[in-house]
Amino acid sequence: MMFKWIFNCQEINRMISVGMDTELPLMQRMLIRLHLMMCRSCTQVRAQLISLNAYGRFLGSDEAALDNLLPLAPESRRRMKTRLRQARAEMPESVADI
């Protein structure tokens, strides 16, 4: 079976997303890095996925701890904190207590 050497942006973004939950094979990680060196759009998508993943993990955490976690623009940080507060308020109590 031939290994695929060229991936489009949609495939790269899918691999980035999967790679946040599981370890990808070395060759895939290298191809993602190579693509990211050439593609500003995918680099931005990766940064957004990393931010969302980190904020999701810390959904129940102290918001002050989040400030030091990610280098976000103040306006982006404010919007995310507002949305997290709204999500917490909308959660059923059984989920919010986890």
N, C-alpha and C. Protein backbone atom coordinates (compact mmCIF):
# COMPACT_ATOMS: atom_id res chain seq x y z
N MET A 1 0.84 -1.19 0.00
CA MET A 1 0.00 0.00 0.00
C MET A 1 0.88 1.25 0.00
N MET A 2 0.57 2.20 -0.85
CA MET A 2 1.34 3.44 -0.94
C MET A 2 0.93 4.41 0.16
N PHE A 3 1.91 5.08 0.68
CA PHE A 3 1.64 6.11 1.68
C PHE A 3 1.32 7.41 0.95
N LYS A 4 0.32 8.09 1.42
CA LYS A 4 -0.07 9.36 0.80
C LYS A 4 0.84 10.47 1.34
N TRP A 5 1.46 11.23 0.46
CA TRP A 5 2.41 12.27 0.84
C TRP A 5 1.81 13.66 0.83
N ILE A 6 0.71 13.86 0.12
CA ILE A 6 0.13 15.19 0.00
C ILE A 6 -1.29 15.16 0.54
N PHE A 7 -1.57 16.10 1.44
CA PHE A 7 -2.89 16.20 2.05
C PHE A 7 -3.44 17.60 1.82
N ASN A 8 -4.75 17.69 1.65
CA ASN A 8 -5.35 19.02 1.52
C ASN A 8 -5.62 19.57 2.92
N CYS A 9 -6.03 20.80 2.98
CA CYS A 9 -6.23 21.47 4.27
C CYS A 9 -7.27 20.76 5.13
N GLN A 10 -8.33 20.29 4.53
CA GLN A 10 -9.38 19.60 5.29
C GLN A 10 -8.80 18.34 5.95
N GLU A 11 -7.99 17.60 5.23
CA GLU A 11 -7.38 16.39 5.78
C GLU A 11 -6.39 16.73 6.89
N ILE A 12 -5.61 17.78 6.68
CA ILE A 12 -4.64 18.20 7.70
C ILE A 12 -5.37 18.63 8.97
N ASN A 13 -6.43 19.40 8.83
CA ASN A 13 -7.17 19.85 10.01
C ASN A 13 -7.80 18.68 10.75
N ARG A 14 -8.28 17.69 10.02
CA ARG A 14 -8.84 16.49 10.65
C ARG A 14 -7.73 15.75 11.43
N MET A 15 -6.55 15.64 10.82
CA MET A 15 -5.44 14.97 11.50
C MET A 15 -5.00 15.75 12.75
N ILE A 16 -4.99 17.07 12.65
CA ILE A 16 -4.64 17.90 13.81
C ILE A 16 -5.63 17.62 14.94
N SER A 17 -6.90 17.59 14.61
CA SER A 17 -7.94 17.35 15.61
C SER A 17 -7.78 15.97 16.24
N VAL A 18 -7.57 14.95 15.42
CA VAL A 18 -7.38 13.60 15.94
C VAL A 18 -6.11 13.54 16.80
N GLY A 19 -5.08 14.23 16.35
CA GLY A 19 -3.82 14.24 17.08
C GLY A 19 -3.88 14.90 18.45
N MET A 20 -4.93 15.63 18.71
CA MET A 20 -5.09 16.23 20.03
C MET A 20 -5.57 15.19 21.04
N ASP A 21 -6.19 14.12 20.55
CA ASP A 21 -6.72 13.08 21.42
C ASP A 21 -5.88 11.81 21.43
N THR A 22 -5.18 11.55 20.35
CA THR A 22 -4.35 10.35 20.24
C THR A 22 -3.02 10.72 19.60
N GLU A 23 -2.02 9.89 19.81
CA GLU A 23 -0.73 10.16 19.19
C GLU A 23 -0.73 9.64 17.76
N LEU A 24 -0.41 10.52 16.85
CA LEU A 24 -0.35 10.16 15.43
C LEU A 24 1.00 9.51 15.13
N PRO A 25 1.04 8.70 14.08
CA PRO A 25 2.33 8.14 13.66
C PRO A 25 3.32 9.26 13.29
N LEU A 26 4.58 8.98 13.46
CA LEU A 26 5.63 9.97 13.22
C LEU A 26 5.52 10.60 11.83
N MET A 27 5.29 9.79 10.81
CA MET A 27 5.22 10.33 9.44
C MET A 27 4.08 11.33 9.30
N GLN A 28 2.92 11.04 9.88
CA GLN A 28 1.80 11.98 9.81
C GLN A 28 2.15 13.28 10.54
N ARG A 29 2.78 13.17 11.70
CA ARG A 29 3.15 14.38 12.44
C ARG A 29 4.13 15.22 11.64
N MET A 30 5.05 14.57 10.96
CA MET A 30 6.02 15.31 10.14
C MET A 30 5.33 15.99 8.96
N LEU A 31 4.39 15.29 8.32
CA LEU A 31 3.68 15.88 7.18
C LEU A 31 2.80 17.05 7.63
N ILE A 32 2.21 16.94 8.80
CA ILE A 32 1.42 18.06 9.34
C ILE A 32 2.33 19.26 9.55
N ARG A 33 3.47 19.04 10.17
CA ARG A 33 4.40 20.16 10.41
C ARG A 33 4.85 20.81 9.11
N LEU A 34 5.14 19.98 8.13
CA LEU A 34 5.55 20.51 6.82
C LEU A 34 4.43 21.35 6.22
N HIS A 35 3.21 20.85 6.27
CA HIS A 35 2.07 21.59 5.74
C HIS A 35 1.89 22.91 6.49
N LEU A 36 2.03 22.86 7.82
CA LEU A 36 1.84 24.08 8.62
C LEU A 36 2.89 25.14 8.31
N MET A 37 4.08 24.72 7.91
CA MET A 37 5.11 25.69 7.54
C MET A 37 4.73 26.46 6.28
N MET A 38 3.88 25.86 5.46
CA MET A 38 3.50 26.48 4.19
C MET A 38 2.11 27.09 4.20
N CYS A 39 1.29 26.74 5.18
CA CYS A 39 -0.13 27.12 5.13
C CYS A 39 -0.52 27.91 6.37
N ARG A 40 -0.69 29.20 6.19
CA ARG A 40 -1.06 30.07 7.30
C ARG A 40 -2.47 29.76 7.82
N SER A 41 -3.37 29.42 6.92
CA SER A 41 -4.74 29.13 7.31
C SER A 41 -4.80 27.93 8.27
N CYS A 42 -4.13 26.86 7.93
CA CYS A 42 -4.13 25.67 8.80
C CYS A 42 -3.40 25.95 10.11
N THR A 43 -2.39 26.80 10.07
CA THR A 43 -1.69 27.18 11.29
C THR A 43 -2.65 27.91 12.23
N GLN A 44 -3.49 28.78 11.67
CA GLN A 44 -4.48 29.49 12.49
C GLN A 44 -5.55 28.53 13.02
N VAL A 45 -5.99 27.60 12.19
CA VAL A 45 -6.97 26.62 12.65
C VAL A 45 -6.39 25.80 13.78
N ARG A 46 -5.13 25.40 13.65
CA ARG A 46 -4.47 24.62 14.71
C ARG A 46 -4.43 25.41 16.02
N ALA A 47 -4.07 26.68 15.94
CA ALA A 47 -4.02 27.52 17.14
C ALA A 47 -5.40 27.63 17.78
N GLN A 48 -6.43 27.77 16.96
CA GLN A 48 -7.80 27.85 17.49
C GLN A 48 -8.21 26.53 18.14
N LEU A 49 -7.88 25.41 17.52
CA LEU A 49 -8.21 24.11 18.10
C LEU A 49 -7.50 23.89 19.43
N ILE A 50 -6.24 24.30 19.50
CA ILE A 50 -5.50 24.18 20.76
C ILE A 50 -6.16 25.03 21.83
N SER A 51 -6.54 26.25 21.50
CA SER A 51 -7.20 27.14 22.46
C SER A 51 -8.52 26.55 22.93
N LEU A 52 -9.34 26.10 22.00
CA LEU A 52 -10.63 25.53 22.36
C LEU A 52 -10.47 24.27 23.19
N ASN A 53 -9.50 23.45 22.85
CA ASN A 53 -9.25 22.23 23.59
C ASN A 53 -8.85 22.56 25.03
N ALA A 54 -7.96 23.52 25.18
CA ALA A 54 -7.50 23.90 26.52
C ALA A 54 -8.64 24.51 27.33
N TYR A 55 -9.41 25.37 26.74
CA TYR A 55 -10.53 25.98 27.45
C TYR A 55 -11.59 24.93 27.80
N GLY A 56 -11.79 23.99 26.92
CA GLY A 56 -12.74 22.92 27.20
C GLY A 56 -12.29 22.07 28.39
N ARG A 57 -11.00 21.76 28.46
CA ARG A 57 -10.47 20.97 29.58
C ARG A 57 -10.65 21.70 30.90
N PHE A 58 -10.57 23.02 30.85
CA PHE A 58 -10.63 23.82 32.07
C PHE A 58 -11.99 24.47 32.26
N LEU A 59 -13.02 23.88 31.66
CA LEU A 59 -14.36 24.45 31.75
C LEU A 59 -14.78 24.69 33.19
N GLY A 60 -14.45 23.78 34.07
CA GLY A 60 -14.84 23.93 35.46
C GLY A 60 -13.78 24.58 36.32
N SER A 61 -12.65 24.96 35.73
CA SER A 61 -11.55 25.54 36.50
C SER A 61 -11.78 27.00 36.82
N ASP A 62 -10.91 27.48 37.64
CA ASP A 62 -10.88 28.89 37.98
C ASP A 62 -10.50 29.69 36.73
N GLU A 63 -11.29 30.68 36.40
CA GLU A 63 -11.04 31.47 35.19
C GLU A 63 -9.70 32.19 35.24
N ALA A 64 -9.24 32.56 36.42
CA ALA A 64 -7.96 33.27 36.53
C ALA A 64 -6.82 32.38 36.05
N ALA A 65 -6.94 31.07 36.26
CA ALA A 65 -5.90 30.15 35.81
C ALA A 65 -5.82 30.12 34.28
N LEU A 66 -6.92 30.39 33.62
CA LEU A 66 -6.94 30.36 32.17
C LEU A 66 -6.16 31.53 31.56
N ASP A 67 -6.09 32.63 32.26
CA ASP A 67 -5.40 33.80 31.73
C ASP A 67 -3.94 33.51 31.41
N ASN A 68 -3.32 32.68 32.23
CA ASN A 68 -1.90 32.38 32.02
C ASN A 68 -1.68 31.20 31.09
N LEU A 69 -2.75 30.51 30.76
CA LEU A 69 -2.63 29.29 29.98
C LEU A 69 -2.38 29.56 28.50
N LEU A 70 -3.10 30.49 27.93
CA LEU A 70 -3.04 30.70 26.49
C LEU A 70 -2.76 32.15 26.13
N PRO A 71 -1.93 32.36 25.13
CA PRO A 71 -1.66 33.72 24.68
C PRO A 71 -2.75 34.19 23.71
N LEU A 72 -3.83 34.69 24.26
CA LEU A 72 -4.93 35.17 23.42
C LEU A 72 -5.04 36.69 23.51
N ALA A 73 -5.59 37.27 22.47
CA ALA A 73 -5.88 38.70 22.49
C ALA A 73 -6.92 38.95 23.59
N PRO A 74 -6.83 40.08 24.28
CA PRO A 74 -7.77 40.36 25.37
C PRO A 74 -9.23 40.23 24.96
N GLU A 75 -9.58 40.69 23.79
CA GLU A 75 -10.97 40.60 23.34
C GLU A 75 -11.39 39.14 23.14
N SER A 76 -10.51 38.33 22.58
CA SER A 76 -10.81 36.90 22.40
C SER A 76 -10.98 36.22 23.75
N ARG A 77 -10.08 36.53 24.68
CA ARG A 77 -10.17 35.94 26.02
C ARG A 77 -11.50 36.34 26.69
N ARG A 78 -11.90 37.61 26.56
CA ARG A 78 -13.13 38.08 27.17
C ARG A 78 -14.34 37.35 26.59
N ARG A 79 -14.36 37.20 25.26
CA ARG A 79 -15.47 36.50 24.61
C ARG A 79 -15.54 35.03 25.06
N MET A 80 -14.39 34.39 25.15
CA MET A 80 -14.39 32.98 25.56
C MET A 80 -14.84 32.83 27.01
N LYS A 81 -14.39 33.72 27.87
CA LYS A 81 -14.81 33.66 29.27
C LYS A 81 -16.31 33.88 29.40
N THR A 82 -16.83 34.83 28.64
CA THR A 82 -18.27 35.09 28.67
C THR A 82 -19.04 33.85 28.23
N ARG A 83 -18.58 33.23 27.15
CA ARG A 83 -19.26 32.03 26.65
C ARG A 83 -19.15 30.87 27.64
N LEU A 84 -18.00 30.73 28.30
CA LEU A 84 -17.84 29.68 29.30
C LEU A 84 -18.79 29.89 30.48
N ARG A 85 -18.92 31.15 30.91
CA ARG A 85 -19.86 31.44 32.00
C ARG A 85 -21.28 31.09 31.58
N GLN A 86 -21.65 31.42 30.34
CA GLN A 86 -22.99 31.09 29.85
C GLN A 86 -23.18 29.58 29.80
N ALA A 87 -22.16 28.85 29.34
CA ALA A 87 -22.26 27.40 29.24
C ALA A 87 -22.42 26.78 30.63
N ARG A 88 -21.66 27.29 31.60
CA ARG A 88 -21.79 26.78 32.97
C ARG A 88 -23.20 27.03 33.50
N ALA A 89 -23.75 28.20 33.23
CA ALA A 89 -25.08 28.54 33.73
C ALA A 89 -26.16 27.67 33.08
N GLU A 90 -25.93 27.25 31.85
CA GLU A 90 -26.91 26.44 31.13
C GLU A 90 -26.79 24.95 31.41
N MET A 91 -25.69 24.52 32.07
CA MET A 91 -25.48 23.10 32.34
C MET A 91 -26.44 22.59 33.40
N PRO A 92 -26.91 21.36 33.22
CA PRO A 92 -27.68 20.76 34.31
C PRO A 92 -26.77 20.60 35.54
N GLU A 93 -27.33 20.70 36.71
CA GLU A 93 -26.51 20.64 37.93
C GLU A 93 -25.73 19.34 38.02
N SER A 94 -26.29 18.24 37.57
CA SER A 94 -25.58 16.95 37.65
C SER A 94 -24.30 16.98 36.84
N VAL A 95 -24.26 17.71 35.74
CA VAL A 95 -23.06 17.83 34.91
C VAL A 95 -22.13 18.88 35.49
N ALA A 96 -22.65 19.98 35.96
CA ALA A 96 -21.83 21.08 36.47
C ALA A 96 -21.04 20.67 37.70
N ASP A 97 -21.53 19.68 38.46
CA ASP A 97 -20.84 19.27 39.68
C ASP A 97 -19.70 18.31 39.44
N ILE A 98 -19.53 17.85 38.23
CA ILE A 98 -18.46 16.88 37.92
C ILE A 98 -17.11 17.54 38.03
